[in-house]
PDB file of N, CA and C in Angstrom:
ATOM      1  N   MET A   1      29.868  30.365  16.725  1.00  0.00           N
ATOM      2  CA  MET A   1      27.808  30.488  16.859  1.00  0.00           C
ATOM      3  C   MET A   1      28.091  29.425  15.793  1.00  0.00           C
ATOM      4  N   LYS A   2      28.157  29.812  15.001  1.00  0.00           N
ATOM      5  CA  LYS A   2      27.907  29.744  13.885  1.00  0.00           C
ATOM      6  C   LYS A   2      27.361  28.371  13.129  1.00  0.00           C
ATOM      7  N   THR A   3      28.646  27.414  13.306  1.00  0.00           N
ATOM      8  CA  THR A   3      28.789  25.770  13.675  1.00  0.00           C
ATOM      9  C   THR A   3      27.935  25.422  14.294  1.00  0.00           C
ATOM     10  N   ILE A   4      27.446  26.348  15.388  1.00  0.00           N
ATOM     11  CA  ILE A   4      26.548  24.996  16.683  1.00  0.00           C
ATOM     12  C   ILE A   4      25.177  25.780  15.188  1.00  0.00           C
ATOM     13  N   ILE A   5      24.680  26.788  15.166  1.00  0.00           N
ATOM     14  CA  ILE A   5      24.052  26.994  13.849  1.00  0.00           C
ATOM     15  C   ILE A   5      23.699  26.213  13.795  1.00  0.00           C
ATOM     16  N   ILE A   6      24.387  26.094  12.234  1.00  0.00           N
ATOM     17  CA  ILE A   6      23.917  24.864  11.520  1.00  0.00           C
ATOM     18  C   ILE A   6      23.760  23.781  11.844  1.00  0.00           C
ATOM     19  N   SER A   7      24.712  23.621  12.747  1.00  0.00           N
ATOM     20  CA  SER A   7      24.491  21.503  13.493  1.00  0.00           C
ATOM     21  C   SER A   7      23.362  21.393  13.802  1.00  0.00           C
ATOM     22  N   ILE A   8      22.535  22.314  14.458  1.00  0.00           N
ATOM     23  CA  ILE A   8      21.699  22.569  15.308  1.00  0.00           C
ATOM     24  C   ILE A   8      19.850  22.380  14.555  1.00  0.00           C
ATOM     25  N   THR A   9      20.048  22.789  12.277  1.00  0.00           N
ATOM     26  CA  THR A   9      19.530  23.447  12.219  1.00  0.00           C
ATOM     27  C   THR A   9      19.458  22.151  11.135  1.00  0.00           C
ATOM     28  N   ILE A  10      21.074  21.422  10.972  1.00  0.00           N
ATOM     29  CA  ILE A  10      21.690  19.956  10.745  1.00  0.00           C
ATOM     30  C   ILE A  10      20.371  19.292  10.999  1.00  0.00           C
ATOM     31  N   LEU A  11      19.964  19.068  12.509  1.00  0.00           N
ATOM     32  CA  LEU A  11      19.860  18.091  13.835  1.00  0.00           C
ATOM     33  C   LEU A  11      18.778  17.768  12.861  1.00  0.00           C
ATOM     34  N   LEU A  12      17.393  18.777  12.905  1.00  0.00           N
ATOM     35  CA  LEU A  12      16.107  19.751  13.479  1.00  0.00           C
ATOM     36  C   LEU A  12      15.861  18.858  11.839  1.00  0.00           C
ATOM     37  N   LEU A  13      16.335  19.553  10.386  1.00  0.00           N
ATOM     38  CA  LEU A  13      16.072  18.518   9.357  1.00  0.00           C
ATOM     39  C   LEU A  13      16.441  17.088   9.666  1.00  0.00           C
ATOM     40  N   CYS A  14      17.089  17.028   9.965  1.00  0.00           N
ATOM     41  CA  CYS A  14      17.130  15.152  10.585  1.00  0.00           C
ATOM     42  C   CYS A  14      15.736  15.020  10.734  1.00  0.00           C
ATOM     43  N   ILE A  15      15.743  15.019  11.806  1.00  0.00           N
ATOM     44  CA  ILE A  15      14.627  14.826  13.105  1.00  0.00           C
ATOM     45  C   ILE A  15      13.256  14.907  12.428  1.00  0.00           C
ATOM     46  N   VAL A  16      13.003  15.720  11.764  1.00  0.00           N
ATOM     47  CA  VAL A  16      11.562  16.554  10.719  1.00  0.00           C
ATOM     48  C   VAL A  16      12.025  14.754   9.802  1.00  0.00           C
ATOM     49  N   GLN A  17      12.036  14.747   8.886  1.00  0.00           N
ATOM     50  CA  GLN A  17      13.184  13.874   7.889  1.00  0.00           C
ATOM     51  C   GLN A  17      12.195  12.286   8.641  1.00  0.00           C
ATOM     52  N   VAL A  18      12.770  12.152   9.649  1.00  0.00           N
ATOM     53  CA  VAL A  18      13.108  10.668  10.012  1.00  0.00           C
ATOM     54  C   VAL A  18      11.130  11.059  10.365  1.00  0.00           C
ATOM     55  N   GLN A  19      10.439  12.123  10.580  1.00  0.00           N
ATOM     56  CA  GLN A  19       9.286  11.519  11.482  1.00  0.00           C
ATOM     57  C   GLN A  19       8.525  12.026  10.810  1.00  0.00           C
ATOM     58  N   ALA A  20       8.697  12.653   9.367  1.00  0.00           N
ATOM     59  CA  ALA A  20       7.859  12.040   8.364  1.00  0.00           C
ATOM     60  C   ALA A  20       7.943  10.764   7.521  1.00  0.00           C
ATOM     61  N   GLN A  21       8.744  10.088   7.833  1.00  0.00           N
ATOM     62  CA  GLN A  21       9.107   9.040   6.828  1.00  0.00           C
ATOM     63  C   GLN A  21       8.390   7.678   7.180  1.00  0.00           C
ATOM     64  N   GLN A  22       7.681   8.346   9.222  1.00  0.00           N
ATOM     65  CA  GLN A  22       7.642   7.442   9.601  1.00  0.00           C
ATOM     66  C   GLN A  22       6.202   6.711   8.807  1.00  0.00           C
ATOM     67  N   PRO A  23       5.252   7.730   8.534  1.00  0.00           N
ATOM     68  CA  PRO A  23       3.784   6.999   8.465  1.00  0.00           C
ATOM     69  C   PRO A  23       3.499   6.324   7.341  1.00  0.00           C
ATOM     70  N   ILE A  24       5.110   6.484   6.443  1.00  0.00           N
ATOM     71  CA  ILE A  24       5.000   6.136   4.749  1.00  0.00           C
ATOM     72  C   ILE A  24       5.989   4.302   5.057  1.00  0.00           C
ATOM     73  N   ASP A  25       6.820   4.904   6.495  1.00  0.00           N
ATOM     74  CA  ASP A  25       7.330   3.421   6.142  1.00  0.00           C
ATOM     75  C   ASP A  25       6.025   1.914   7.152  1.00  0.00           C
ATOM     76  N   GLN A  26       5.520   3.049   7.271  1.00  0.00           N
ATOM     77  CA  GLN A  26       3.462   2.156   8.229  1.00  0.00           C
ATOM     78  C   GLN A  26       2.823   1.057   7.344  1.00  0.00           C
ATOM     79  N   LEU A  27       2.505   2.120   6.113  1.00  0.00           N
ATOM     80  CA  LEU A  27       2.394   2.097   5.007  1.00  0.00           C
ATOM     81  C   LEU A  27       2.707   0.867   4.189  1.00  0.00           C
ATOM     82  N   ILE A  28       4.148   1.037   3.691  1.00  0.00           N
ATOM     83  CA  ILE A  28       4.730   0.213   2.817  1.00  0.00           C
ATOM     84  C   ILE A  28       4.665  -1.637   3.412  1.00  0.00           C
ATOM     85  N   ALA A  29       4.935  -1.456   5.472  1.00  0.00           N
ATOM     86  CA  ALA A  29       4.956  -2.044   5.659  1.00  0.00           C
ATOM     87  C   ALA A  29       3.456  -3.128   5.391  1.00  0.00           C
ATOM     88  N   ALA A  30       2.754  -2.123   5.770  1.00  0.00           N
ATOM     89  CA  ALA A  30       1.492  -2.532   6.149  1.00  0.00           C
ATOM     90  C   ALA A  30       0.637  -4.161   3.855  1.00  0.00           C
ATOM     91  N   GLU A  31       1.567  -2.473   3.353  1.00  0.00           N
ATOM     92  CA  GLU A  31       1.432  -3.510   1.958  1.00  0.00           C
ATOM     93  C   GLU A  31       2.231  -4.476   2.198  1.00  0.00           C
ATOM     94  N   LYS A  32       3.214  -5.028   2.173  1.00  0.00           N
ATOM     95  CA  LYS A  32       4.198  -6.371   2.569  1.00  0.00           C
ATOM     96  C   LYS A  32       3.571  -7.065   3.623  1.00  0.00           C
ATOM     97  N   LYS A  33       2.909  -6.371   4.249  1.00  0.00           N
ATOM     98  CA  LYS A  33       1.994  -7.631   5.153  1.00  0.00           C
ATOM     99  C   LYS A  33       1.141  -8.478   4.191  1.00  0.00           C
ATOM    100  N   PHE A  34       0.028  -7.305   3.730  1.00  0.00           N
ATOM    101  CA  PHE A  34      -0.696  -7.935   3.007  1.00  0.00           C
ATOM    102  C   PHE A  34      -0.091  -8.931   1.822  1.00  0.00           C
ATOM    103  N   ALA A  35       0.820  -8.017   0.839  1.00  0.00           N
ATOM    104  CA  ALA A  35       1.416  -9.453   0.336  1.00  0.00           C
ATOM    105  C   ALA A  35       1.714 -10.659   0.766  1.00  0.00           C
ATOM    106  N   ASN A  36       2.236 -11.245   1.914  1.00  0.00           N
ATOM    107  CA  ASN A  36       2.487 -11.942   2.176  1.00  0.00           C
ATOM    108  C   ASN A  36       1.486 -13.590   2.555  1.00  0.00           C
ATOM    109  N   THR A  37      -0.183 -12.521   3.381  1.00  0.00           N
ATOM    110  CA  THR A  37      -0.875 -13.359   3.597  1.00  0.00           C
ATOM    111  C   THR A  37      -1.570 -13.492   1.701  1.00  0.00           C
ATOM    112  N   SER A  38      -1.308 -13.093   1.195  1.00  0.00           N
ATOM    113  CA  SER A  38      -1.785 -13.714  -0.501  1.00  0.00           C
ATOM    114  C   SER A  38      -1.348 -14.991  -0.632  1.00  0.00           C
ATOM    115  N   LYS A  39       0.483 -14.578  -0.564  1.00  0.00           N
ATOM    116  CA  LYS A  39       1.405 -15.735  -0.477  1.00  0.00           C
ATOM    117  C   LYS A  39       1.199 -16.897  -0.213  1.00  0.00           C
ATOM    118  N   GLU A  40       1.096 -16.210   1.387  1.00  0.00           N
ATOM    119  CA  GLU A  40       0.933 -18.108   2.303  1.00  0.00           C
ATOM    120  C   GLU A  40      -0.622 -18.424   1.857  1.00  0.00           C
ATOM    121  N   GLN A  41      -1.044 -17.867   1.983  1.00  0.00           N
ATOM    122  CA  GLN A  41      -2.711 -17.992   2.590  1.00  0.00           C
ATOM    123  C   GLN A  41      -3.620 -18.114   0.538  1.00  0.00           C
ATOM    124  N   THR A  42      -4.374 -16.774   0.468  1.00  0.00           N
ATOM    125  CA  THR A  42      -4.841 -16.841  -1.080  1.00  0.00           C
ATOM    126  C   THR A  42      -5.018 -14.906  -0.794  1.00  0.00           C
ATOM    127  N   THR A  43      -4.874 -14.751  -1.654  1.00  0.00           N
ATOM    128  CA  THR A  43      -5.705 -13.459  -2.329  1.00  0.00           C
ATOM    129  C   THR A  43      -6.591 -13.017  -1.900  1.00  0.00           C
ATOM    130  N   ARG A  44      -8.012 -13.649  -1.763  1.00  0.00           N
ATOM    131  CA  ARG A  44      -9.212 -13.260  -1.045  1.00  0.00           C
ATOM    132  C   ARG A  44      -9.386 -13.279   0.084  1.00  0.00           C
ATOM    133  N   LYS A  45      -8.322 -14.393   0.754  1.00  0.00           N
ATOM    134  CA  LYS A  45      -7.831 -13.720   2.141  1.00  0.00           C
ATOM    135  C   LYS A  45      -7.268 -12.623   2.719  1.00  0.00           C
ATOM    136  N   ALA A  46      -6.223 -12.238   1.877  1.00  0.00           N
ATOM    137  CA  ALA A  46      -5.617 -10.929   1.912  1.00  0.00           C
ATOM    138  C   ALA A  46      -6.416  -9.230   2.395  1.00  0.00           C
ATOM    139  N   PHE A  47      -7.122 -10.316   1.455  1.00  0.00           N
ATOM    140  CA  PHE A  47      -8.224  -8.522   0.971  1.00  0.00           C
ATOM    141  C   PHE A  47      -8.975  -8.770   2.458  1.00  0.00           C
ATOM    142  N   LEU A  48      -9.777 -10.041   2.211  1.00  0.00           N
ATOM    143  CA  LEU A  48     -10.243  -9.459   3.829  1.00  0.00           C
ATOM    144  C   LEU A  48      -9.695  -8.953   5.210  1.00  0.00           C
ATOM    145  N   ALA A  49      -8.708  -9.599   5.799  1.00  0.00           N
ATOM    146  CA  ALA A  49      -8.229  -9.412   6.723  1.00  0.00           C
ATOM    147  C   ALA A  49      -7.492  -7.682   6.091  1.00  0.00           C
ATOM    148  N   ASN A  50      -7.316  -6.930   4.907  1.00  0.00           N
ATOM    149  CA  ASN A  50      -6.985  -5.916   5.289  1.00  0.00           C
ATOM    150  C   ASN A  50      -7.613  -4.798   4.927  1.00  0.00           C
ATOM    151  N   VAL A  51      -9.225  -4.973   4.411  1.00  0.00           N
ATOM    152  CA  VAL A  51      -9.454  -3.755   3.573  1.00  0.00           C
ATOM    153  C   VAL A  51     -11.104  -3.156   4.997  1.00  0.00           C
ATOM    154  N   ASP A  52     -10.888  -2.517   5.263  1.00  0.00           N
ATOM    155  CA  ASP A  52     -11.730  -1.799   6.005  1.00  0.00           C
ATOM    156  C   ASP A  52     -12.937  -1.770   4.601  1.00  0.00           C
ATOM    157  N   SER A  53     -14.013  -2.259   5.410  1.00  0.00           N
ATOM    158  CA  SER A  53     -15.985  -2.840   4.682  1.00  0.00           C
ATOM    159  C   SER A  53     -16.152  -1.607   3.893  1.00  0.00           C
ATOM    160  N   ASN A  54     -15.664   0.395   4.243  1.00  0.00           N
ATOM    161  CA  ASN A  54     -15.891   1.099   3.380  1.00  0.00           C
ATOM    162  C   ASN A  54     -14.390   0.871   2.014  1.00  0.00           C
ATOM    163  N   CYS A  55     -14.230  -0.100   2.297  1.00  0.00           N
ATOM    164  CA  CYS A  55     -12.830   0.827   0.499  1.00  0.00           C
ATOM    165  C   CYS A  55     -13.570   0.705  -0.248  1.00  0.00           C
ATOM    166  N   ILE A  56     -12.953   1.791  -0.770  1.00  0.00           N
ATOM    167  CA  ILE A  56     -13.589   1.905  -2.093  1.00  0.00           C
ATOM    168  C   ILE A  56     -12.524   1.311  -2.777  1.00  0.00           C
ATOM    169  N   GLY A  57     -12.874   1.522  -4.744  1.00  0.00           N
ATOM    170  CA  GLY A  57     -12.019   1.226  -5.540  1.00  0.00           C
ATOM    171  C   GLY A  57     -12.374   1.506  -7.011  1.00  0.00           C
ATOM    172  N   PHE A  58     -11.719   1.135  -7.338  1.00  0.00           N
ATOM    173  CA  PHE A  58     -12.261   1.210  -9.477  1.00  0.00           C
ATOM    174  C   PHE A  58     -12.076   0.285 -10.154  1.00  0.00           C
ATOM    175  N   ASN A  59     -13.390  -0.544 -10.445  1.00  0.00           N
ATOM    176  CA  ASN A  59     -13.322  -1.393 -11.796  1.00  0.00           C
ATOM    177  C   ASN A  59     -14.298  -1.133 -12.872  1.00  0.00           C
ATOM    178  N   LYS A  60     -12.777  -1.042 -13.140  1.00  0.00           N
ATOM    179  CA  LYS A  60     -12.784  -0.864 -15.401  1.00  0.00           C
ATOM    180  C   LYS A  60     -13.835   0.809 -15.166  1.00  0.00           C
ATOM    181  N   GLY A  61     -12.907   1.878 -14.620  1.00  0.00           N
ATOM    182  CA  GLY A  61     -13.677   2.944 -14.121  1.00  0.00           C
ATOM    183  C   GLY A  61     -15.112   2.922 -13.334  1.00  0.00           C
ATOM    184  N   GLU A  62     -15.150   2.608 -13.259  1.00  0.00           N
ATOM    185  CA  GLU A  62     -16.442   2.152 -12.278  1.00  0.00           C
ATOM    186  C   GLU A  62     -16.037   2.089 -10.123  1.00  0.00           C
ATOM    187  N   GLU A  63     -16.992   3.192  -9.679  1.00  0.00           N
ATOM    188  CA  GLU A  63     -16.578   2.806  -8.118  1.00  0.00           C
ATOM    189  C   GLU A  63     -17.412   1.563  -8.132  1.00  0.00           C
ATOM    190  N   VAL A  64     -16.993   0.792  -6.780  1.00  0.00           N
ATOM    191  CA  VAL A  64     -16.710  -0.905  -6.484  1.00  0.00           C
ATOM    192  C   VAL A  64     -16.208  -0.222  -5.197  1.00  0.00           C
ATOM    193  N   ASN A  65     -17.216  -0.623  -4.127  1.00  0.00           N
ATOM    194  CA  ASN A  65     -17.360  -1.477  -2.952  1.00  0.00           C
ATOM    195  C   ASN A  65     -15.722  -2.259  -2.522  1.00  0.00           C
ATOM    196  N   ILE A  66     -14.070  -2.562  -2.171  1.00  0.00           N
ATOM    197  CA  ILE A  66     -13.577  -3.426  -2.352  1.00  0.00           C
ATOM    198  C   ILE A  66     -14.019  -4.720  -1.055  1.00  0.00           C
ATOM    199  N   PHE A  67     -14.242  -4.434  -0.087  1.00  0.00           N
ATOM    200  CA  PHE A  67     -14.620  -5.320   0.390  1.00  0.00           C
ATOM    201  C   PHE A  67     -16.254  -5.867   0.535  1.00  0.00           C
ATOM    202  N   THR A  68     -16.888  -5.641  -0.336  1.00  0.00           N
ATOM    203  CA  THR A  68     -17.948  -6.470  -0.733  1.00  0.00           C
ATOM    204  C   THR A  68     -17.471  -7.554  -2.241  1.00  0.00           C
ATOM    205  N   GLN A  69     -16.660  -6.896  -2.618  1.00  0.00           N
ATOM    206  CA  GLN A  69     -16.633  -7.301  -4.146  1.00  0.00           C
ATOM    207  C   GLN A  69     -15.811  -8.668  -3.455  1.00  0.00           C
ATOM    208  N   TRP A  70     -14.657  -8.445  -2.459  1.00  0.00           N
ATOM    209  CA  TRP A  70     -14.470  -9.714  -1.646  1.00  0.00           C
ATOM    210  C   TRP A  70     -14.877 -10.776  -1.057  1.00  0.00           C
ATOM    211  N   THR A  71     -15.642 -10.309  -0.049  1.00  0.00           N
ATOM    212  CA  THR A  71     -16.151 -11.143   0.756  1.00  0.00           C
ATOM    213  C   THR A  71     -17.690 -11.808  -0.184  1.00  0.00           C
ATOM    214  N   THR A  72     -17.893 -11.351  -1.201  1.00  0.00           N
ATOM    215  CA  THR A  72     -18.756 -12.342  -2.321  1.00  0.00           C
ATOM    216  C   THR A  72     -17.917 -12.880  -3.194  1.00  0.00           C
ATOM    217  N   ARG A  73     -16.820 -13.053  -3.350  1.00  0.00           N
ATOM    218  CA  ARG A  73     -15.971 -13.762  -4.636  1.00  0.00           C
ATOM    219  C   ARG A  73     -15.833 -14.902  -3.923  1.00  0.00           C
ATOM    220  N   LYS A  74     -15.614 -16.021  -4.500  1.00  0.00           N
ATOM    221  CA  LYS A  74     -15.285 -17.547  -4.070  1.00  0.00           C
ATOM    222  C   LYS A  74     -13.520 -17.622  -3.606  1.00  0.00           C
ATOM    223  N   GLU A  75     -14.202 -18.628  -2.803  1.00  0.00           N
ATOM    224  CA  GLU A  75     -12.925 -18.851  -2.211  1.00  0.00           C
ATOM    225  C   GLU A  75     -11.836 -19.683  -3.054  1.00  0.00           C
ATOM    226  N   ASP A  76     -10.382 -18.810  -3.620  1.00  0.00           N
ATOM    227  CA  ASP A  76      -9.691 -20.137  -4.706  1.00  0.00           C
ATOM    228  C   ASP A  76      -8.526 -20.209  -4.622  1.00  0.00           C
ATOM    229  N   SER A  77      -7.861 -20.478  -5.223  1.00  0.00           N
ATOM    230  CA  SER A  77      -5.897 -20.672  -4.874  1.00  0.00           C
ATOM    231  C   SER A  77      -5.452 -19.905  -4.840  1.00  0.00           C
ATOM    232  N   SER A  78      -5.720 -19.034  -5.898  1.00  0.00           N
ATOM    233  CA  SER A  78      -5.374 -17.864  -6.209  1.00  0.00           C
ATOM    234  C   SER A  78      -4.111 -17.017  -5.613  1.00  0.00           C
ATOM    235  N   LYS A  79      -3.383 -16.404  -6.275  1.00  0.00           N
ATOM    236  CA  LYS A  79      -2.361 -15.603  -5.349  1.00  0.00           C
ATOM    237  C   LYS A  79      -1.588 -14.531  -6.451  1.00  0.00           C
ATOM    238  N   LEU A  80      -1.559 -13.396  -5.275  1.00  0.00           N
ATOM    239  CA  LEU A  80      -1.163 -12.299  -5.687  1.00  0.00           C
ATOM    240  C   LEU A  80       0.148 -11.652  -5.332  1.00  0.00           C
ATOM    241  N   THR A  81       1.072 -12.016  -6.142  1.00  0.00           N
ATOM    242  CA  THR A  81       2.786 -12.270  -5.463  1.00  0.00           C
ATOM    243  C   THR A  81       2.948 -10.233  -6.173  1.00  0.00           C
ATOM    244  N   TRP A  82       3.448  -9.728  -5.084  1.00  0.00           N
ATOM    245  CA  TRP A  82       3.422  -8.635  -5.677  1.00  0.00           C
ATOM    246  C   TRP A  82       4.672  -7.348  -4.607  1.00  0.00           C
ATOM    247  N   ALA A  83       5.521  -6.295  -4.594  1.00  0.00           N
ATOM    248  CA  ALA A  83       5.827  -5.797  -3.349  1.00  0.00           C
ATOM    249  C   ALA A  83       5.633  -4.514  -4.181  1.00  0.00           C
ATOM    250  N   PRO A  84       5.002  -2.808  -3.034  1.00  0.00           N
ATOM    251  CA  PRO A  84       5.311  -2.082  -3.942  1.00  0.00           C
ATOM    252  C   PRO A  84       6.448  -1.467  -3.679  1.00  0.00           C
ATOM    253  N   GLU A  85       6.109  -0.373  -4.940  1.00  0.00           N
ATOM    254  CA  GLU A  85       7.760  -0.005  -5.953  1.00  0.00           C
ATOM    255  C   GLU A  85       7.910   1.444  -5.309  1.00  0.00           C
ATOM    256  N   LEU A  86       6.500   1.863  -5.711  1.00  0.00           N
ATOM    257  CA  LEU A  86       6.648   3.464  -5.144  1.00  0.00           C
ATOM    258  C   LEU A  86       5.583   3.948  -4.029  1.00  0.00           C
ATOM    259  N   ALA A  87       5.812   4.101  -3.334  1.00  0.00           N
ATOM    260  CA  ALA A  87       4.874   4.927  -1.757  1.00  0.00           C
ATOM    261  C   ALA A  87       4.497   6.192  -1.833  1.00  0.00           C
ATOM    262  N   ILE A  88       3.822   6.923  -2.341  1.00  0.00           N
ATOM    263  CA  ILE A  88       3.067   8.342  -1.775  1.00  0.00           C
ATOM    264  C   ILE A  88       2.696   8.639  -0.775  1.00  0.00           C
ATOM    265  N   ILE A  89       2.561   9.479   0.295  1.00  0.00           N
ATOM    266  CA  ILE A  89       1.368   9.774   1.751  1.00  0.00           C
ATOM    267  C   ILE A  89       1.666  10.864   1.585  1.00  0.00           C
ATOM    268  N   SER A  90       0.551  11.729   2.245  1.00  0.00           N
ATOM    269  CA  SER A  90      -0.363  13.173   2.485  1.00  0.00           C
ATOM    270  C   SER A  90       1.361  13.668   3.859  1.00  0.00           C
ATOM    271  N   SER A  91       0.613  14.230   3.499  1.00  0.00           N
ATOM    272  CA  SER A  91       1.972  14.500   4.968  1.00  0.00           C
ATOM    273  C   SER A  91       1.066  15.126   6.267  1.00  0.00           C
ATOM    274  N   SER A  92      -0.093  15.189   6.161  1.00  0.00           N
ATOM    275  CA  SER A  92      -0.617  14.422   7.501  1.00  0.00           C
ATOM    276  C   SER A  92      -0.308  13.404   7.487  1.00  0.00           C
ATOM    277  N   GLY A  93      -0.247  12.383   7.143  1.00  0.00           N
ATOM    278  CA  GLY A  93      -0.278  11.050   6.574  1.00  0.00           C
ATOM    279  C   GLY A  93      -1.136  10.255   6.814  1.00  0.00           C
ATOM    280  N   GLU A  94      -2.330  11.016   6.737  1.00  0.00           N
ATOM    281  CA  GLU A  94      -3.984  10.583   6.656  1.00  0.00           C
ATOM    282  C   GLU A  94      -4.277   9.754   5.540  1.00  0.00           C
ATOM    283  N   MET A  95      -3.877   9.678   4.567  1.00  0.00           N
ATOM    284  CA  MET A  95      -3.749   9.263   3.358  1.00  0.00           C
ATOM    285  C   MET A  95      -2.495   8.931   2.317  1.00  0.00           C
ATOM    286  N   GLY A  96      -2.778   7.866   1.781  1.00  0.00           N
ATOM    287  CA  GLY A  96      -1.522   7.073   1.304  1.00  0.00           C
ATOM    288  C   GLY A  96      -2.309   6.031  -0.207  1.00  0.00           C
ATOM    289  N   VAL A  97      -1.283   6.148  -1.042  1.00  0.00           N
ATOM    290  CA  VAL A  97      -1.062   5.124  -1.957  1.00  0.00           C
ATOM    291  C   VAL A  97      -0.146   4.358  -2.626  1.00  0.00           C
ATOM    292  N   THR A  98       0.413   3.084  -3.256  1.00  0.00           N
ATOM    293  CA  THR A  98       1.251   2.858  -3.289  1.00  0.00           C
ATOM    294  C   THR A  98       0.827   2.390  -5.131  1.00  0.00           C
ATOM    295  N   ALA A  99       2.202   1.801  -5.762  1.00  0.00           N
ATOM    296  CA  ALA A  99       2.014   1.110  -6.710  1.00  0.00           C
ATOM    297  C   ALA A  99       3.051  -0.002  -7.122  1.00  0.00           C
ATOM    298  N   ASP A 100       2.322  -0.581  -8.108  1.00  0.00           N
ATOM    299  CA  ASP A 100       3.412  -1.951  -8.061  1.00  0.00           C
ATOM    300  C   ASP A 100       3.751  -2.717  -9.761  1.00  0.00           C
ATOM    301  N   LYS A 101       4.505  -3.574  -9.037  1.00  0.00           N
ATOM    302  CA  LYS A 101       4.122  -5.055 -10.604  1.00  0.00           C
ATOM    303  C   LYS A 101       3.995  -6.060  -9.725  1.00  0.00           C
ATOM    304  N   ARG A 102       2.610  -6.188 -10.511  1.00  0.00           N
ATOM    305  CA  ARG A 102       2.020  -7.302  -9.598  1.00  0.00           C
ATOM    306  C   ARG A 102       1.671  -8.768 -11.215  1.00  0.00           C
ATOM    307  N   VAL A 103       1.507 -10.092 -10.471  1.00  0.00           N
ATOM    308  CA  VAL A 103       1.765 -10.915 -10.642  1.00  0.00           C
ATOM    309  C   VAL A 103       1.093 -11.642 -10.403  1.00  0.00           C
ATOM    310  N   VAL A 104      -0.137 -11.789 -11.208  1.00  0.00           N
ATOM    311  CA  VAL A 104      -1.280 -12.763 -10.761  1.00  0.00           C
ATOM    312  C   VAL A 104      -1.725 -14.121 -11.443  1.00  0.00           C
ATOM    313  N   ASN A 105      -1.354 -15.054 -10.840  1.00  0.00           N
ATOM    314  CA  ASN A 105      -1.701 -16.806 -11.014  1.00  0.00           C
ATOM    315  C   ASN A 105      -0.759 -16.724 -12.525  1.00  0.00           C
ATOM    316  N   GLY A 106       0.761 -15.833 -12.447  1.00  0.00           N
ATOM    317  CA  GLY A 106       1.653 -16.444 -13.748  1.00  0.00           C
ATOM    318  C   GLY A 106       1.816 -14.364 -14.771  1.00  0.00           C
ATOM    319  N   ASN A 107       0.596 -13.987 -14.658  1.00  0.00           N
ATOM    320  CA  ASN A 107       0.584 -12.868 -15.547  1.00  0.00           C
ATOM    321  C   ASN A 107       0.923 -11.544 -15.284  1.00  0.00           C
ATOM    322  N   TYR A 108       1.736 -10.822 -16.009  1.00  0.00           N
ATOM    323  CA  TYR A 108       1.488  -9.268 -15.171  1.00  0.00           C
ATOM    324  C   TYR A 108       1.065  -7.979 -15.490  1.00  0.00           C
ATOM    325  N   TYR A 109       0.484  -7.500 -14.281  1.00  0.00           N
ATOM    326  CA  TYR A 109      -0.051  -6.260 -14.641  1.00  0.00           C
ATOM    327  C   TYR A 109       0.700  -5.615 -14.707  1.00  0.00           C
ATOM    328  N   SER A 110       0.254  -3.559 -15.228  1.00  0.00           N
ATOM    329  CA  SER A 110       0.990  -3.193 -14.609  1.00  0.00           C
ATOM    330  C   SER A 110      -0.098  -2.206 -14.011  1.00  0.00           C
ATOM    331  N   PRO A 111       0.307  -1.173 -12.567  1.00  0.00           N
ATOM    332  CA  PRO A 111      -0.638  -0.439 -12.312  1.00  0.00           C
ATOM    333  C   PRO A 111      -1.905   0.327 -12.274  1.00  0.00           C
ATOM    334  N   LEU A 112      -1.596   0.584 -14.209  1.00  0.00           N
ATOM    335  CA  LEU A 112      -2.929   1.441 -14.735  1.00  0.00           C
ATOM    336  C   LEU A 112      -4.062   0.397 -14.940  1.00  0.00           C
ATOM    337  N   ASP A 113      -3.674  -1.536 -14.515  1.00  0.00           N
ATOM    338  CA  ASP A 113      -4.856  -2.402 -15.730  1.00  0.00           C
ATOM    339  C   ASP A 113      -5.937  -1.216 -14.518  1.00  0.00           C
ATOM    340  N   CYS A 114      -5.743  -1.204 -13.000  1.00  0.00           N
ATOM    341  CA  CYS A 114      -6.643  -0.950 -12.692  1.00  0.00           C
ATOM    342  C   CYS A 114      -7.941  -0.564 -13.384  1.00  0.00           C
ATOM    343  N   PHE A 115      -7.051   0.882 -13.793  1.00  0.00           N
ATOM    344  CA  PHE A 115      -8.421   1.999 -14.147  1.00  0.00           C
ATOM    345  C   PHE A 115      -8.700   1.657 -15.257  1.00  0.00           C
ATOM    346  N   LEU A 116      -8.685   0.785 -16.184  1.00  0.00           N
ATOM    347  CA  LEU A 116      -8.823   0.635 -17.484  1.00  0.00           C
ATOM    348  C   LEU A 116      -9.954  -0.170 -17.756  1.00  0.00           C
TER     349      LEU A 116
END
């Protein structure tokens, strides 16, 4: 009987773990899709294809609308090469954040550069 209870408990924990990973896997997949679009096309096109019109970010400590910033930016050949190295998501799956190493036109930037 103890073996059955332990086995069921382990099975339930595995199911809960798999379900908890699904939203984070979706977040990572979306980030990789964004990175691929930037690599194959341009950084501007990647942002405009993946950012909501209400997306808020920070530029040198100031709150900015990311969609507006990229909409008004002129198209160029810039490439953003990166991949998410850390992903964190809320238990509800409604909010998440990724951190990365970025290379923009050959220059490396740390994730904290956005906030400086």
